[in-house]
Amino acid sequence: MQRVLGEAHDATVGVVWGGRRRVALVSALLAVPLLLTGGTLGGGWYYSTELLQPAQARVETFPDTVTEVRRGAEDVVVLSESPETRRKGTWGLRWEGGSARVGDIVRQGDGRVERKLLGGDPPRGERVRLDPDVWPGDPRSALGLDFQEVQVRTELGDMPAWLVPGQGDTWAITVHGRAGTRREALRIMPALHRLGLPVLAITYRNDRNAPPSPDGLYHLGAAEWRDLEAAVRTAQERGARHVVLVGWSMGGAIVGQFLGHSELAGLVDRVVLDAPVVSWRDTLDLQAGNRGLPSAFTPVAELVSGWRAGLDFDRFELAGHPPAHRPPMLLVHGSADSMVPVSSSRAFAEAAKRMGWPVRFVEFPDAEHTAEWNTDPQRYEEAVTAFLRG
């Protein structure tokens, strides 16, 4: 009898234990898609935050190091060797609280890159980075160009702009990229000035010295175009009858949205876009890959970003949603761009050709994001000058 009772007890325990295992197994199987969904949504939210939050976009890193500075007939700065410090051309050299300018590579090897030092005094041992924005300061301190600090009145308040005077009634208005500054325009400003164009280098919502957007987020061009519209209106009030728009990176998306939505789009005579975002989807795909994220994160990030900022990503596909007003456009892009895919610009140029939109595409071999001027200043300025002279 005791043995029978023991066997019955063992059987009962086995049934209970087996039931618990089955419940645990079913629960685990049900949890897997929930965890995957939650993880994907969490990753999408994180990616969305990096995309939309101005503070996240403005985080600066300094991956390289100054190992030596030599003064002589030709000043030289020696940097730790990396893909960034090996880039050819003319660059800004930034560190926390300071900057310099560097030119072509003198020699490299053994973990060192020696470059011409064109200005500034980088401290030995300082952590630095190469920056496409070569000059600090303003048009006068950087380039010797006279300018005025003006305010553009927008729906959110006054936004500062530099106005470099010129002749004639066609103005150039420059639109920097995401997390950038007006300094982005300094590289092309001398060429625009030589053409006699008054140049208005603007800021827009969420810039450091401009009002924030109501939700504190970037809208990737979907709202910022209204600040560009206010700048065009300011130029018009000061005598402009036509404008040339010049945009870098997200500034290109802002220009595209302005052309598609502004009642002032007809004033645009020509457009110059440098490594522009003509498709946010393509750009998000590339940047997700850069972060080691699976491609599944891109539509989730798009979904989350659309919900957080009220964005319709279809409207950013410039080839699929071209504006009614299609002025002649110069499109420049570097083949080594790791931020905005050059393939998007190639595809857009082909689509523009089919729809009869006069777009000239100039590709710069081995140039990184918005660094075509840095790689070959002469070719860049010649392309812009020839296009604007028409």
Protein backbone atom coordinates (compact mmCIF):
# COMPACT_ATOMS: atom_id res chain seq x y z
CA MET A 1 0.00 0.00 0.00
CA GLN A 2 2.80 2.47 0.85
CA ARG A 3 4.53 1.71 -2.43
CA VAL A 4 1.28 2.33 -4.34
CA LEU A 5 0.74 5.59 -2.54
CA GLY A 6 4.33 6.59 -3.27
CA GLU A 7 3.91 5.78 -6.96
CA ALA A 8 0.67 7.78 -7.03
CA HIS A 9 2.41 10.72 -5.37
CA ASP A 10 5.26 10.53 -7.87
CA ALA A 11 2.78 10.43 -10.73
CA THR A 12 0.92 13.44 -9.35
CA VAL A 13 4.15 15.34 -8.95
CA GLY A 14 5.12 14.37 -12.48
CA VAL A 15 1.84 15.62 -13.87
CA VAL A 16 2.13 18.91 -11.96
CA TRP A 17 5.77 19.34 -12.92
CA GLY A 18 5.02 18.45 -16.53
CA GLY A 19 2.15 20.92 -16.54
CA ARG A 20 4.38 23.64 -15.19
CA ARG A 21 6.98 22.89 -17.84
CA ARG A 22 4.36 23.06 -20.57
CA VAL A 23 3.04 26.36 -19.19
CA ALA A 24 6.59 27.71 -18.98
CA LEU A 25 7.34 26.54 -22.52
CA VAL A 26 4.16 28.07 -23.94
CA SER A 27 4.82 31.28 -22.00
CA ALA A 28 8.36 31.41 -23.36
CA LEU A 29 7.17 30.84 -26.91
CA LEU A 30 4.60 33.60 -26.53
CA ALA A 31 7.17 35.91 -24.97
CA VAL A 32 9.67 35.59 -27.83
CA PRO A 33 7.69 37.67 -30.39
CA LEU A 34 6.73 40.11 -27.63
CA LEU A 35 10.37 40.53 -26.66
CA LEU A 36 11.39 40.85 -30.29
CA THR A 37 8.64 43.40 -30.90
CA GLY A 38 9.55 45.27 -27.74
CA GLY A 39 13.22 45.19 -28.62
CA THR A 40 12.53 46.40 -32.14
CA LEU A 41 10.28 49.18 -30.87
CA GLY A 42 12.89 50.10 -28.26
CA GLY A 43 15.58 50.21 -30.91
CA GLY A 44 13.30 52.22 -33.18
CA TRP A 45 12.63 54.69 -30.37
CA TYR A 46 16.36 55.02 -29.67
CA TYR A 47 17.12 55.56 -33.35
CA SER A 48 14.25 58.05 -33.59
CA THR A 49 15.65 59.99 -30.63
CA GLU A 50 19.05 60.24 -32.31
CA LEU A 51 17.33 61.50 -35.46
CA LEU A 52 14.90 64.01 -33.95
CA GLN A 53 16.48 65.32 -30.74
CA PRO A 54 18.70 68.39 -31.38
CA ALA A 55 20.83 67.69 -28.30
CA GLN A 56 21.56 64.16 -29.52
CA ALA A 57 22.44 65.39 -33.00
CA ARG A 58 24.86 67.98 -31.64
CA VAL A 59 26.97 65.57 -29.57
CA GLU A 60 30.60 66.08 -30.62
CA THR A 61 33.27 63.39 -30.61
CA PHE A 62 37.03 63.84 -30.90
CA PRO A 63 38.45 60.50 -32.05
CA ASP A 64 41.97 61.53 -33.07
CA THR A 65 45.01 62.99 -31.30
CA VAL A 66 47.59 65.71 -31.98
CA THR A 67 50.99 64.10 -31.39
CA GLU A 68 53.27 66.92 -32.54
CA VAL A 69 53.35 70.43 -34.00
CA ARG A 70 56.43 71.57 -35.97
CA ARG A 71 57.04 75.21 -36.86
CA GLY A 72 59.25 76.22 -39.74
CA ALA A 73 59.16 77.33 -43.36
CA GLU A 74 56.04 75.17 -43.54
CA ASP A 75 54.13 74.50 -40.33
CA VAL A 76 53.10 70.89 -39.82
CA VAL A 77 50.74 69.16 -37.41
CA VAL A 78 51.16 65.43 -36.76
CA LEU A 79 48.00 63.46 -36.05
CA SER A 80 47.26 59.89 -35.08
CA GLU A 81 46.55 57.88 -38.21
CA SER A 82 42.91 57.03 -38.96
CA PRO A 83 40.58 56.97 -41.97
CA GLU A 84 39.52 60.51 -41.02
CA THR A 85 43.01 62.02 -40.70
CA ARG A 86 44.02 60.38 -44.01
CA ARG A 87 41.38 62.28 -45.96
CA LYS A 88 42.88 64.54 -48.57
CA GLY A 89 42.11 68.23 -48.89
CA THR A 90 41.55 71.23 -46.64
CA TRP A 91 39.77 70.83 -43.30
CA GLY A 92 38.99 72.42 -40.01
CA LEU A 93 40.66 70.77 -37.03
CA ARG A 94 38.42 70.98 -33.96
CA TRP A 95 39.02 70.27 -30.31
CA GLU A 96 37.12 71.14 -27.17
CA GLY A 97 37.18 74.93 -27.08
CA GLY A 98 39.40 75.57 -30.09
CA SER A 99 40.09 75.06 -33.78
CA ALA A 100 42.75 75.24 -36.49
CA ARG A 101 42.97 74.72 -40.25
CA VAL A 102 44.89 71.92 -41.93
CA GLY A 103 45.79 71.31 -45.56
CA ASP A 104 47.15 68.48 -47.64
CA ILE A 105 49.00 65.48 -46.27
CA VAL A 106 52.79 65.87 -46.24
CA ARG A 107 53.55 62.25 -45.33
CA GLN A 108 51.96 59.35 -43.52
CA GLY A 109 52.92 56.01 -42.03
CA ASP A 110 53.83 54.29 -38.77
CA GLY A 111 50.53 55.37 -37.26
CA ARG A 112 51.14 59.08 -37.99
CA VAL A 113 49.72 61.54 -40.51
CA GLU A 114 51.57 64.81 -41.11
CA ARG A 115 49.48 67.63 -42.57
CA LYS A 116 50.15 71.26 -43.43
CA LEU A 117 49.04 73.55 -40.62
CA LEU A 118 47.37 76.55 -42.25
CA GLY A 119 46.35 78.42 -39.13
CA GLY A 120 45.75 77.96 -35.42
CA ASP A 121 47.73 76.36 -32.62
CA PRO A 122 46.53 72.85 -31.78
CA PRO A 123 47.90 71.71 -28.39
CA ARG A 124 50.00 68.55 -28.32
CA GLY A 125 48.10 65.60 -26.90
CA GLU A 126 44.71 67.23 -27.59
CA ARG A 127 41.85 65.06 -28.80
CA VAL A 128 40.61 66.41 -32.15
CA ARG A 129 38.50 65.72 -35.21
CA LEU A 130 38.58 66.85 -38.83
CA ASP A 131 35.62 69.09 -39.68
CA PRO A 132 34.34 70.09 -43.15
CA ASP A 133 33.59 73.55 -41.71
CA VAL A 134 37.05 74.98 -42.21
CA TRP A 135 36.64 78.39 -40.61
CA PRO A 136 35.35 79.41 -37.20
CA GLY A 137 33.90 82.86 -36.63
CA ASP A 138 31.87 84.94 -39.06
CA PRO A 139 32.30 86.22 -42.65
CA ARG A 140 34.49 89.10 -41.53
CA SER A 141 36.85 87.26 -39.18
CA ALA A 142 37.05 84.19 -41.41
CA LEU A 143 37.05 85.67 -44.92
CA GLY A 144 37.39 89.45 -44.57
CA LEU A 145 33.87 89.96 -45.97
CA ASP A 146 31.75 92.78 -44.64
CA PHE A 147 28.41 91.61 -43.26
CA GLN A 148 25.44 92.55 -41.10
CA GLU A 149 23.79 90.51 -38.37
CA VAL A 150 20.09 90.59 -39.24
CA GLN A 151 16.98 88.98 -37.77
CA VAL A 152 14.54 86.94 -39.82
CA ARG A 153 11.04 87.21 -38.36
CA THR A 154 9.39 83.77 -38.29
CA GLU A 155 6.23 82.30 -36.79
CA LEU A 156 8.32 81.20 -33.77
CA GLY A 157 10.23 84.45 -33.29
CA ASP A 158 13.32 86.15 -34.66
CA MET A 159 16.10 83.96 -36.04
CA PRO A 160 19.61 85.38 -36.64
CA ALA A 161 21.20 85.47 -40.08
CA TRP A 162 24.34 86.86 -41.71
CA LEU A 163 23.79 89.24 -44.62
CA VAL A 164 26.79 89.76 -46.88
CA PRO A 165 25.92 92.64 -49.23
CA GLY A 166 26.15 92.37 -53.02
CA GLN A 167 24.79 93.88 -56.20
CA GLY A 168 21.63 93.14 -58.11
CA ASP A 169 18.24 91.80 -57.14
CA THR A 170 19.05 88.07 -57.09
CA TRP A 171 20.03 86.89 -53.62
CA ALA A 172 21.64 83.65 -52.45
CA ILE A 173 20.10 82.12 -49.32
CA THR A 174 22.07 79.33 -47.65
CA VAL A 175 20.54 76.56 -45.53
CA HIS A 176 22.88 74.49 -43.36
CA GLY A 177 22.41 70.84 -42.46
CA ARG A 178 21.03 69.09 -39.40
CA ALA A 179 22.91 70.11 -36.22
CA GLY A 180 25.06 72.43 -38.36
CA THR A 181 25.59 76.18 -38.19
CA ARG A 182 25.80 79.17 -40.52
CA ARG A 183 29.54 78.45 -40.78
CA GLU A 184 28.71 75.79 -43.36
CA ALA A 185 28.16 78.60 -45.86
CA LEU A 186 31.61 80.13 -45.37
CA ARG A 187 33.24 77.71 -47.82
CA ILE A 188 31.07 78.79 -50.76
CA MET A 189 30.49 82.39 -49.68
CA PRO A 190 33.53 83.87 -51.53
CA ALA A 191 32.38 82.34 -54.83
CA LEU A 192 28.85 83.68 -54.33
CA HIS A 193 30.26 87.08 -53.38
CA ARG A 194 32.44 87.21 -56.51
CA LEU A 195 29.27 86.71 -58.56
CA GLY A 196 27.87 89.85 -56.92
CA LEU A 197 25.08 88.02 -55.10
CA PRO A 198 23.95 89.29 -51.71
CA VAL A 199 24.23 86.26 -49.42
CA LEU A 200 21.81 85.57 -46.55
CA ALA A 201 23.13 82.71 -44.36
CA ILE A 202 20.19 81.71 -42.19
CA THR A 203 19.45 79.76 -39.05
CA TYR A 204 16.25 77.84 -38.38
CA ARG A 205 14.25 76.39 -35.49
CA ASN A 206 16.24 74.38 -32.91
CA ASP A 207 19.55 76.02 -33.84
CA ARG A 208 21.54 77.11 -30.80
CA ASN A 209 20.63 80.80 -31.15
CA ALA A 210 17.17 80.34 -32.66
CA PRO A 211 13.81 79.55 -31.06
CA PRO A 212 13.01 75.85 -30.56
CA SER A 213 10.15 74.11 -32.31
CA PRO A 214 7.02 73.73 -30.16
CA ASP A 215 7.79 70.06 -29.46
CA GLY A 216 11.56 70.59 -29.29
CA LEU A 217 12.18 68.15 -32.15
CA TYR A 218 13.62 68.34 -35.64
CA HIS A 219 10.99 67.84 -38.32
CA LEU A 220 13.52 66.92 -41.02
CA GLY A 221 12.36 69.73 -43.31
CA ALA A 222 8.61 69.31 -42.87
CA ALA A 223 8.37 72.37 -40.59
CA GLU A 224 11.76 74.04 -41.09
CA TRP A 225 10.83 75.09 -44.64
CA ARG A 226 8.62 77.77 -43.12
CA ASP A 227 11.71 79.40 -41.60
CA LEU A 228 13.29 79.40 -45.05
CA GLU A 229 10.10 80.96 -46.40
CA ALA A 230 10.44 83.72 -43.79
CA ALA A 231 14.04 84.28 -44.95
CA VAL A 232 12.94 84.55 -48.59
CA ARG A 233 10.31 87.06 -47.52
CA THR A 234 12.99 89.04 -45.64
CA ALA A 235 15.14 89.10 -48.77
CA GLN A 236 12.13 90.19 -50.81
CA GLU A 237 11.42 93.04 -48.40
CA ARG A 238 15.05 94.15 -48.81
CA GLY A 239 14.86 94.28 -52.60
CA ALA A 240 15.31 90.71 -53.84
CA ARG A 241 13.24 89.77 -56.88
CA HIS A 242 14.77 86.32 -57.32
CA VAL A 243 16.65 83.95 -55.03
CA VAL A 244 19.19 81.18 -55.39
CA LEU A 245 18.82 78.52 -52.69
CA VAL A 246 21.91 76.65 -51.46
CA GLY A 247 21.37 73.71 -49.10
CA TRP A 248 23.56 71.10 -47.42
CA SER A 249 22.36 67.68 -46.24
CA MET A 250 19.07 68.20 -44.34
CA GLY A 251 19.18 71.75 -45.72
CA GLY A 252 18.49 70.08 -49.07
CA ALA A 253 15.37 68.46 -47.64
CA ILE A 254 14.29 71.87 -46.31
CA VAL A 255 14.78 73.38 -49.78
CA GLY A 256 12.79 70.52 -51.34
CA GLN A 257 9.90 71.06 -48.93
CA PHE A 258 9.98 74.82 -49.55
CA LEU A 259 9.74 74.27 -53.30
CA GLY A 260 6.80 71.94 -52.79
CA HIS A 261 4.80 73.97 -50.28
CA SER A 262 5.71 77.67 -50.22
CA GLU A 263 3.73 80.33 -52.04
CA LEU A 264 7.10 82.04 -52.62
CA ALA A 265 8.64 79.08 -54.47
CA GLY A 266 8.24 80.90 -57.79
CA LEU A 267 10.91 83.41 -56.72
CA VAL A 268 13.57 80.68 -56.83
CA ASP A 269 15.74 81.10 -59.88
CA ARG A 270 18.25 78.29 -59.26
CA VAL A 271 19.12 75.71 -56.61
CA VAL A 272 22.46 74.28 -55.45
CA LEU A 273 22.23 71.17 -53.25
CA ASP A 274 25.26 69.61 -51.55
CA ALA A 275 24.87 65.96 -50.42
CA PRO A 276 21.14 66.56 -49.96
CA VAL A 277 18.58 64.32 -48.33
CA VAL A 278 16.29 63.62 -51.27
CA SER A 279 15.01 60.45 -49.59
CA TRP A 280 14.91 60.10 -45.81
CA ARG A 281 14.17 56.37 -46.17
CA ASP A 282 17.41 55.75 -48.07
CA THR A 283 19.28 57.89 -45.56
CA LEU A 284 17.84 56.01 -42.57
CA ASP A 285 18.76 52.68 -44.18
CA LEU A 286 22.37 53.77 -44.60
CA GLN A 287 22.70 55.19 -41.12
CA ALA A 288 21.09 52.12 -39.52
CA GLY A 289 23.75 50.02 -41.23
CA ASN A 290 26.44 52.37 -39.90
CA ARG A 291 25.13 51.73 -36.39
CA GLY A 292 25.08 47.97 -36.87
CA LEU A 293 21.27 47.89 -36.68
CA PRO A 294 19.26 45.38 -38.72
CA SER A 295 17.24 46.74 -41.62
CA ALA A 296 14.06 46.01 -39.64
CA PHE A 297 14.80 49.06 -37.49
CA THR A 298 14.35 51.50 -40.38
CA PRO A 299 10.56 51.17 -40.87
CA VAL A 300 10.11 51.06 -37.09
CA ALA A 301 12.19 54.22 -36.66
CA GLU A 302 10.15 55.80 -39.45
CA LEU A 303 6.91 54.76 -37.73
CA VAL A 304 8.05 56.04 -34.31
CA SER A 305 9.46 59.29 -35.76
CA GLY A 306 6.27 59.84 -37.72
CA TRP A 307 4.20 59.41 -34.58
CA ARG A 308 6.45 61.61 -32.40
CA ALA A 309 6.83 64.50 -34.84
CA GLY A 310 3.80 64.10 -37.09
CA LEU A 311 5.92 63.23 -40.14
CA ASP A 312 4.83 61.69 -43.42
CA PHE A 313 7.97 60.16 -44.89
CA ASP A 314 6.40 59.84 -48.34
CA ARG A 315 6.50 63.61 -48.76
CA PHE A 316 10.31 63.57 -48.42
CA GLU A 317 10.75 61.41 -51.53
CA LEU A 318 11.66 64.26 -53.87
CA ALA A 319 11.62 62.15 -57.04
CA GLY A 320 8.26 60.63 -56.14
CA HIS A 321 6.74 63.94 -55.02
CA PRO A 322 8.36 66.61 -57.18
CA PRO A 323 7.29 70.23 -56.67
CA ALA A 324 5.28 72.10 -59.27
CA HIS A 325 8.06 74.70 -59.54
CA ARG A 326 11.26 72.98 -60.69
CA PRO A 327 14.08 75.50 -61.14
CA PRO A 328 17.43 74.45 -62.61
CA MET A 329 19.44 72.57 -60.00
CA LEU A 330 23.10 71.76 -59.43
CA LEU A 331 23.41 68.58 -57.38
CA VAL A 332 26.84 67.71 -55.92
CA HIS A 333 27.61 64.61 -53.89
CA GLY A 334 30.67 62.68 -52.73
CA SER A 335 31.04 59.03 -53.67
CA ALA A 336 32.31 58.14 -50.17
CA ASP A 337 29.41 59.75 -48.28
CA SER A 338 28.71 57.61 -45.19
CA MET A 339 25.80 59.76 -43.94
CA VAL A 340 23.54 60.39 -46.95
CA PRO A 341 23.80 57.82 -49.76
CA VAL A 342 25.16 59.08 -53.06
CA SER A 343 22.93 56.48 -54.73
CA SER A 344 19.91 58.61 -53.77
CA SER A 345 21.30 61.60 -55.63
CA ARG A 346 22.17 59.46 -58.64
CA ALA A 347 18.65 58.04 -58.73
CA PHE A 348 17.08 61.46 -58.26
CA ALA A 349 19.17 62.95 -61.11
CA GLU A 350 17.98 60.15 -63.41
CA ALA A 351 14.36 60.63 -62.34
CA ALA A 352 14.65 64.40 -62.87
CA LYS A 353 15.92 63.81 -66.39
CA ARG A 354 12.86 61.70 -67.18
CA MET A 355 10.47 64.34 -65.86
CA GLY A 356 12.21 67.20 -67.68
CA TRP A 357 13.58 68.85 -64.54
CA PRO A 358 16.93 70.47 -65.45
CA VAL A 359 19.26 68.91 -62.87
CA ARG A 360 23.02 68.78 -63.32
CA PHE A 361 24.72 66.11 -61.19
CA VAL A 362 28.41 66.40 -60.29
CA GLU A 363 29.99 63.59 -58.28
CA PHE A 364 33.22 64.00 -56.30
CA PRO A 365 35.29 60.82 -55.99
CA ASP A 366 36.22 59.77 -52.43
CA ALA A 367 34.52 62.81 -50.84
CA GLU A 368 32.76 62.32 -47.50
CA HIS A 369 29.51 63.91 -46.41
CA THR A 370 29.30 67.61 -47.45
CA ALA A 371 33.09 67.53 -47.98
CA GLU A 372 33.24 67.96 -51.76
CA TRP A 373 34.65 71.48 -51.38
CA ASN A 374 37.23 70.22 -48.90
CA THR A 375 38.39 67.52 -51.31
CA ASP A 376 38.67 69.76 -54.37
CA PRO A 377 37.88 73.45 -53.71
CA GLN A 378 38.75 74.58 -57.23
CA ARG A 379 36.50 72.07 -58.98
CA TYR A 380 33.68 72.76 -56.54
CA GLU A 381 33.78 76.53 -56.97
CA GLU A 382 34.13 76.24 -60.75
CA ALA A 383 31.05 73.99 -60.89
CA VAL A 384 28.96 76.35 -58.75
CA THR A 385 30.16 79.49 -60.56
CA ALA A 386 29.53 78.06 -64.03
CA PHE A 387 26.06 76.89 -63.02
CA LEU A 388 25.01 80.20 -61.49
CA ARG A 389 26.37 82.21 -64.41
CA GLY A 390 24.26 79.96 -66.63
